[in-house]
């Protein structure tokens, strides 16, 4: 597999994405999970436990930002190849995030040879009700040189 080539088989792509996520110690610490990974799209989630809340009992903004950033990077990487990084993003917090699971759904708006612009919706999901949108983000993902290449 070259730096830009990714598996075409959906199950193989999801498997590769989960391996890449598992290689990120911070994502492992937060118990992040790659729930879906398709060309141009990614869905990441994490359990919203007490250690991820701020003083008012809502998800800490840094946790929401992490999830949006990582989901956008996965979505961008699905069109640019696995050697990518976020070069910038903005996020708008719409309402406090309280609930069981935080979910980020990212999709590529435009992808070129070296850059992809990605949008992301971050919601809280609970089994008892519909998802609640709590933040929206947009970012730019770029290809990077891998160490040693």
C-alpha atoms as a PDB file:
ATOM      1  CA  UNK A   1       0.000   0.000   0.000  1.00  0.00           C
ATOM      2  CA  UNK A   2       1.405   3.420  -0.939  1.00  0.00           C
ATOM      3  CA  UNK A   3       0.881   6.494   1.242  1.00  0.00           C
ATOM      4  CA  UNK A   4      -2.183   7.489  -0.817  1.00  0.00           C
ATOM      5  CA  UNK A   5      -3.715   4.078  -1.438  1.00  0.00           C
ATOM      6  CA  UNK A   6      -6.322   2.692   0.915  1.00  0.00           C
ATOM      7  CA  UNK A   7      -8.260  -0.571   0.801  1.00  0.00           C
ATOM      8  CA  UNK A   8     -11.312  -0.465  -1.452  1.00  0.00           C
ATOM      9  CA  UNK A   9     -13.144  -3.114   0.562  1.00  0.00           C
ATOM     10  CA  UNK A  10     -15.314  -1.323   3.182  1.00  0.00           C
ATOM     11  CA  UNK A  11     -14.541  -3.868   5.902  1.00  0.00           C
ATOM     12  CA  UNK A  12     -10.788  -3.665   5.226  1.00  0.00           C
ATOM     13  CA  UNK A  13     -10.935   0.133   5.307  1.00  0.00           C
ATOM     14  CA  UNK A  14     -12.727   0.095   8.668  1.00  0.00           C
ATOM     15  CA  UNK A  15     -10.217  -2.449  10.008  1.00  0.00           C
ATOM     16  CA  UNK A  16      -7.299  -0.241   8.906  1.00  0.00           C
ATOM     17  CA  UNK A  17      -8.951   2.813  10.460  1.00  0.00           C
ATOM     18  CA  UNK A  18      -9.408   1.007  13.763  1.00  0.00           C
ATOM     19  CA  UNK A  19      -5.734  -0.044  13.729  1.00  0.00           C
ATOM     20  CA  UNK A  20      -4.693   3.571  13.160  1.00  0.00           C
ATOM     21  CA  UNK A  21      -6.945   4.763  15.991  1.00  0.00           C
ATOM     22  CA  UNK A  22      -5.595   2.082  18.339  1.00  0.00           C
ATOM     23  CA  UNK A  23      -2.069   3.372  17.637  1.00  0.00           C
ATOM     24  CA  UNK A  24      -2.996   6.766  19.154  1.00  0.00           C
ATOM     25  CA  UNK A  25      -2.367   6.595  22.922  1.00  0.00           C
ATOM     26  CA  UNK A  26      -4.581   9.616  23.661  1.00  0.00           C
ATOM     27  CA  UNK A  27      -7.503   8.095  21.735  1.00  0.00           C
ATOM     28  CA  UNK A  28      -7.042   4.869  23.677  1.00  0.00           C
ATOM     29  CA  UNK A  29      -7.028   6.810  26.949  1.00  0.00           C
ATOM     30  CA  UNK A  30     -10.371   8.429  26.007  1.00  0.00           C
ATOM     31  CA  UNK A  31     -11.796   5.068  24.847  1.00  0.00           C
ATOM     32  CA  UNK A  32     -12.524   6.517  21.414  1.00  0.00           C
ATOM     33  CA  UNK A  33     -14.107   4.173  18.892  1.00  0.00           C
ATOM     34  CA  UNK A  34     -14.215   4.344  15.093  1.00  0.00           C
ATOM     35  CA  UNK A  35     -17.835   3.419  14.367  1.00  0.00           C
ATOM     36  CA  UNK A  36     -17.781   4.005  10.622  1.00  0.00           C
ATOM     37  CA  UNK A  37     -15.169   4.745   7.969  1.00  0.00           C
ATOM     38  CA  UNK A  38     -15.994   5.250   4.282  1.00  0.00           C
ATOM     39  CA  UNK A  39     -14.399   7.194   1.434  1.00  0.00           C
ATOM     40  CA  UNK A  40     -14.927  10.842   2.385  1.00  0.00           C
ATOM     41  CA  UNK A  41     -16.627  10.119   5.724  1.00  0.00           C
ATOM     42  CA  UNK A  42     -15.832   8.983   9.250  1.00  0.00           C
ATOM     43  CA  UNK A  43     -17.754   8.523  12.486  1.00  0.00           C
ATOM     44  CA  UNK A  44     -15.953   8.470  15.841  1.00  0.00           C
ATOM     45  CA  UNK A  45     -17.452   8.278  19.304  1.00  0.00           C
ATOM     46  CA  UNK A  46     -16.480   8.051  22.939  1.00  0.00           C
ATOM     47  CA  UNK A  47     -18.241   7.366  26.231  1.00  0.00           C
ATOM     48  CA  UNK A  48     -18.984  10.592  28.070  1.00  0.00           C
ATOM     49  CA  UNK A  49     -17.898   9.623  31.590  1.00  0.00           C
ATOM     50  CA  UNK A  50     -17.410  11.841  34.654  1.00  0.00           C
ATOM     51  CA  UNK A  51     -13.684  12.360  34.013  1.00  0.00           C
ATOM     52  CA  UNK A  52     -14.455  14.124  30.695  1.00  0.00           C
ATOM     53  CA  UNK A  53     -16.799  16.747  32.165  1.00  0.00           C
ATOM     54  CA  UNK A  54     -16.132  20.314  33.206  1.00  0.00           C
ATOM     55  CA  UNK A  55     -17.284  21.883  36.475  1.00  0.00           C
ATOM     56  CA  UNK A  56     -20.929  22.307  35.344  1.00  0.00           C
ATOM     57  CA  UNK A  57     -21.364  18.656  34.404  1.00  0.00           C
ATOM     58  CA  UNK A  58     -21.102  19.121  30.605  1.00  0.00           C
ATOM     59  CA  UNK A  59     -18.547  17.601  28.259  1.00  0.00           C
ATOM     60  CA  UNK A  60     -15.335  19.621  28.378  1.00  0.00           C
ATOM     61  CA  UNK A  61     -14.843  21.674  25.205  1.00  0.00           C
ATOM     62  CA  UNK A  62     -11.429  20.094  24.723  1.00  0.00           C
ATOM     63  CA  UNK A  63     -13.010  16.643  24.551  1.00  0.00           C
ATOM     64  CA  UNK A  64     -15.511  17.826  21.932  1.00  0.00           C
ATOM     65  CA  UNK A  65     -12.673  19.507  20.008  1.00  0.00           C
ATOM     66  CA  UNK A  66     -10.549  16.339  20.136  1.00  0.00           C
ATOM     67  CA  UNK A  67     -13.386  14.227  18.756  1.00  0.00           C
ATOM     68  CA  UNK A  68     -14.187  16.667  15.929  1.00  0.00           C
ATOM     69  CA  UNK A  69     -10.508  17.029  15.023  1.00  0.00           C
ATOM     70  CA  UNK A  70      -9.872  13.292  14.918  1.00  0.00           C
ATOM     71  CA  UNK A  71     -13.055  12.527  12.954  1.00  0.00           C
ATOM     72  CA  UNK A  72     -12.141  15.198  10.390  1.00  0.00           C
ATOM     73  CA  UNK A  73      -8.620  13.796  10.094  1.00  0.00           C
ATOM     74  CA  UNK A  74      -9.974  10.308   9.443  1.00  0.00           C
ATOM     75  CA  UNK A  75     -12.429  11.602   6.832  1.00  0.00           C
ATOM     76  CA  UNK A  76      -9.693  13.638   5.132  1.00  0.00           C
ATOM     77  CA  UNK A  77      -7.298  10.710   5.277  1.00  0.00           C
ATOM     78  CA  UNK A  78      -9.856   8.522   3.529  1.00  0.00           C
ATOM     79  CA  UNK A  79      -9.393  10.621   0.368  1.00  0.00           C
ATOM     80  CA  UNK A  80      -5.780  11.785   0.799  1.00  0.00           C
ATOM     81  CA  UNK A  81      -4.198   8.628   2.222  1.00  0.00           C
ATOM     82  CA  UNK A  82      -3.218   7.640   5.746  1.00  0.00           C
ATOM     83  CA  UNK A  83      -0.288  10.078   6.179  1.00  0.00           C
ATOM     84  CA  UNK A  84      -2.273  13.207   7.110  1.00  0.00           C
ATOM     85  CA  UNK A  85      -2.620  15.796   9.855  1.00  0.00           C
ATOM     86  CA  UNK A  86      -4.975  18.632  10.709  1.00  0.00           C
ATOM     87  CA  UNK A  87      -3.495  21.997   9.730  1.00  0.00           C
ATOM     88  CA  UNK A  88      -6.339  24.050  11.174  1.00  0.00           C
ATOM     89  CA  UNK A  89      -9.924  23.890  12.323  1.00  0.00           C
ATOM     90  CA  UNK A  90     -12.642  25.997  13.889  1.00  0.00           C
ATOM     91  CA  UNK A  91     -15.448  24.839  16.113  1.00  0.00           C
ATOM     92  CA  UNK A  92     -18.718  26.357  17.272  1.00  0.00           C
ATOM     93  CA  UNK A  93     -20.264  25.034  20.471  1.00  0.00           C
ATOM     94  CA  UNK A  94     -24.047  25.151  20.103  1.00  0.00           C
ATOM     95  CA  UNK A  95     -25.262  23.777  23.432  1.00  0.00           C
ATOM     96  CA  UNK A  96     -23.926  21.922  26.470  1.00  0.00           C
ATOM     97  CA  UNK A  97     -23.149  18.283  25.804  1.00  0.00           C
ATOM     98  CA  UNK A  98     -24.659  16.001  28.420  1.00  0.00           C
ATOM     99  CA  UNK A  99     -25.415  12.363  27.866  1.00  0.00           C
ATOM    100  CA  UNK A 100     -24.037   8.895  27.441  1.00  0.00           C
ATOM    101  CA  UNK A 101     -21.986   8.990  24.230  1.00  0.00           C
ATOM    102  CA  UNK A 102     -20.402  11.776  22.195  1.00  0.00           C
ATOM    103  CA  UNK A 103     -20.438  11.155  18.414  1.00  0.00           C
ATOM    104  CA  UNK A 104     -18.591  13.058  15.663  1.00  0.00           C
ATOM    105  CA  UNK A 105     -19.699  12.620  12.050  1.00  0.00           C
ATOM    106  CA  UNK A 106     -17.244  14.107   9.542  1.00  0.00           C
ATOM    107  CA  UNK A 107     -17.517  14.411   5.773  1.00  0.00           C
ATOM    108  CA  UNK A 108     -15.161  15.779   3.136  1.00  0.00           C
ATOM    109  CA  UNK A 109     -16.495  18.887   1.419  1.00  0.00           C
ATOM    110  CA  UNK A 110     -13.633  19.160  -1.050  1.00  0.00           C
ATOM    111  CA  UNK A 111     -10.563  16.984  -1.525  1.00  0.00           C
ATOM    112  CA  UNK A 112      -7.548  17.719  -3.689  1.00  0.00           C
ATOM    113  CA  UNK A 113      -4.082  16.231  -4.065  1.00  0.00           C
ATOM    114  CA  UNK A 114      -2.671  17.509  -0.748  1.00  0.00           C
ATOM    115  CA  UNK A 115      -5.577  19.167   1.114  1.00  0.00           C
ATOM    116  CA  UNK A 116      -9.114  18.274   2.115  1.00  0.00           C
ATOM    117  CA  UNK A 117     -11.713  20.581   3.649  1.00  0.00           C
ATOM    118  CA  UNK A 118     -13.926  18.681   6.085  1.00  0.00           C
ATOM    119  CA  UNK A 119     -17.083  19.485   8.072  1.00  0.00           C
ATOM    120  CA  UNK A 120     -18.108  17.737  11.262  1.00  0.00           C
ATOM    121  CA  UNK A 121     -21.222  17.546  13.443  1.00  0.00           C
ATOM    122  CA  UNK A 122     -20.768  16.505  17.067  1.00  0.00           C
ATOM    123  CA  UNK A 123     -23.821  15.157  18.888  1.00  0.00           C
ATOM    124  CA  UNK A 124     -24.682  13.492  22.155  1.00  0.00           C
ATOM    125  CA  UNK A 125     -26.536  10.207  21.846  1.00  0.00           C
ATOM    126  CA  UNK A 126     -28.549   8.453  24.507  1.00  0.00           C
ATOM    127  CA  UNK A 127     -30.597   5.276  24.074  1.00  0.00           C
ATOM    128  CA  UNK A 128     -33.639   7.100  25.472  1.00  0.00           C
ATOM    129  CA  UNK A 129     -33.893   9.855  22.871  1.00  0.00           C
ATOM    130  CA  UNK A 130     -32.814  11.382  19.572  1.00  0.00           C
ATOM    131  CA  UNK A 131     -29.273  12.731  19.048  1.00  0.00           C
ATOM    132  CA  UNK A 132     -28.654  16.285  20.249  1.00  0.00           C
ATOM    133  CA  UNK A 133     -26.340  18.399  18.088  1.00  0.00           C
ATOM    134  CA  UNK A 134     -23.893  20.204  20.391  1.00  0.00           C
ATOM    135  CA  UNK A 135     -21.104  21.465  18.086  1.00  0.00           C
ATOM    136  CA  UNK A 136     -20.140  21.958  14.451  1.00  0.00           C
ATOM    137  CA  UNK A 137     -16.605  22.192  13.111  1.00  0.00           C
ATOM    138  CA  UNK A 138     -14.746  22.719   9.864  1.00  0.00           C
ATOM    139  CA  UNK A 139     -11.112  21.925   9.238  1.00  0.00           C
ATOM    140  CA  UNK A 140      -8.346  21.525   6.706  1.00  0.00           C
ATOM    141  CA  UNK A 141      -6.478  18.232   6.522  1.00  0.00           C
ATOM    142  CA  UNK A 142      -3.132  17.971   4.699  1.00  0.00           C
ATOM    143  CA  UNK A 143      -0.836  15.193   3.615  1.00  0.00           C
ATOM    144  CA  UNK A 144       2.395  14.947   5.616  1.00  0.00           C
ATOM    145  CA  UNK A 145       5.694  13.206   5.152  1.00  0.00           C
ATOM    146  CA  UNK A 146       6.012  10.162   7.362  1.00  0.00           C
ATOM    147  CA  UNK A 147       9.125  10.029   9.546  1.00  0.00           C
ATOM    148  CA  UNK A 148      11.840   8.083   7.763  1.00  0.00           C
ATOM    149  CA  UNK A 149      10.329   8.474   4.290  1.00  0.00           C
END
